[in-house]
Amino acid sequence: MDEKDIKKIEEVFQHHMGILSENFQHKLDIVVEGHQLLSEKIDHVKTELSQEIECVERKLDAIAADLKAHREDTEVHKKVYKVKEE
């Protein structure tokens, strides 16, 4: 093999390495894009769940306040209201 053949082999090798590098970079870009989309979806679901949890907490607080008021009212009127267990 002479130097001309070696240079040709190096050029072909560099060309193939360039193609492989571009292919790898393209696939890596697709993976990164997928992760970004997943991150956005997770953030969206997190926001929705937080809102739902806040709504449930408000409802529970309202029910607890109603129950407390009802208990206080029945304790004030013990002679009128009685819970009888059989």
Protein backbone atom coordinates (compact mmCIF):
# COMPACT_ATOMS: atom_id res chain seq x y z
CA MET A 1 0.00 0.00 0.00
CA ASP A 2 1.29 3.36 -0.84
CA GLU A 3 0.56 6.69 0.79
CA LYS A 4 -2.19 7.49 -1.75
CA ASP A 5 -4.13 4.35 -0.78
CA ILE A 6 -3.72 5.12 2.91
CA LYS A 7 -5.06 8.66 2.39
CA LYS A 8 -8.05 7.26 0.48
CA ILE A 9 -8.77 4.79 3.27
CA GLU A 10 -8.50 7.60 5.84
CA GLU A 11 -10.92 9.74 3.81
CA VAL A 12 -13.43 6.91 3.53
CA PHE A 13 -13.04 6.18 7.25
CA GLN A 14 -13.55 9.87 8.16
CA HIS A 15 -16.60 10.01 5.90
CA HIS A 16 -18.15 6.96 7.58
CA MET A 17 -17.32 8.34 11.03
CA GLY A 18 -19.04 11.61 10.08
CA ILE A 19 -22.16 9.75 8.97
CA LEU A 20 -22.20 7.68 12.17
CA SER A 21 -21.68 10.80 14.27
CA GLU A 22 -24.58 12.60 12.57
CA ASN A 23 -26.80 9.54 12.98
CA PHE A 24 -25.94 9.27 16.66
CA GLN A 25 -26.54 13.00 17.20
CA HIS A 26 -29.92 12.75 15.47
CA LYS A 27 -30.98 9.88 17.73
CA LEU A 28 -29.72 11.72 20.78
CA ASP A 29 -31.74 14.79 19.77
CA ILE A 30 -34.86 12.61 19.52
CA VAL A 31 -34.26 11.22 23.02
CA VAL A 32 -33.75 14.72 24.45
CA GLU A 33 -36.94 15.94 22.78
CA GLY A 34 -38.84 12.99 24.24
CA HIS A 35 -37.56 13.77 27.72
CA GLN A 36 -38.58 17.41 27.36
CA LEU A 37 -42.10 16.39 26.33
CA LEU A 38 -42.35 13.97 29.24
CA SER A 39 -41.16 16.66 31.64
CA GLU A 40 -43.82 19.06 30.38
CA LYS A 41 -46.52 16.40 30.74
CA ILE A 42 -45.39 15.55 34.26
CA ASP A 43 -45.48 19.24 35.22
CA HIS A 44 -48.99 19.54 33.76
CA VAL A 45 -50.25 16.49 35.65
CA LYS A 46 -48.59 17.75 38.84
CA THR A 47 -50.40 21.07 38.51
CA GLU A 48 -53.74 19.38 37.87
CA LEU A 49 -53.30 17.02 40.83
CA SER A 50 -52.33 19.88 43.11
CA GLN A 51 -55.50 21.73 42.14
CA GLU A 52 -57.62 18.63 42.73
CA ILE A 53 -56.01 18.01 46.12
CA GLU A 54 -56.63 21.62 47.15
CA CYS A 55 -60.28 21.25 46.15
CA VAL A 56 -60.65 18.06 48.21
CA GLU A 57 -58.92 19.70 51.18
CA ARG A 58 -61.33 22.65 51.02
CA LYS A 59 -64.29 20.28 50.92
CA LEU A 60 -62.95 18.30 53.88
CA ASP A 61 -62.39 21.51 55.83
CA ALA A 62 -65.97 22.59 55.10
CA ILE A 63 -67.33 19.20 56.19
CA ALA A 64 -65.22 19.31 59.36
CA ALA A 65 -66.50 22.80 60.15
CA ASP A 66 -70.11 21.69 59.58
CA LEU A 67 -69.59 18.64 61.79
CA LYS A 68 -68.01 20.74 64.52
CA ALA A 69 -70.89 23.22 64.42
CA HIS A 70 -73.40 20.37 64.54
CA ARG A 71 -71.66 18.78 67.54
CA GLU A 72 -71.52 22.08 69.39
CA ASP A 73 -75.20 22.65 68.69
CA THR A 74 -76.20 19.20 69.93
CA GLU A 75 -74.04 19.55 73.05
CA VAL A 76 -75.75 22.85 73.91
CA HIS A 77 -79.17 21.22 73.57
CA LYS A 78 -78.47 17.95 75.37
CA LYS A 79 -81.98 17.72 76.79
CA VAL A 80 -83.56 18.02 73.36
CA TYR A 81 -81.17 15.90 71.29
CA LYS A 82 -80.01 12.51 72.44
CA VAL A 83 -78.30 9.75 70.57
CA LYS A 84 -79.68 6.45 71.65
CA GLU A 85 -77.83 3.24 71.02
CA GLU A 86 -79.76 0.01 71.10
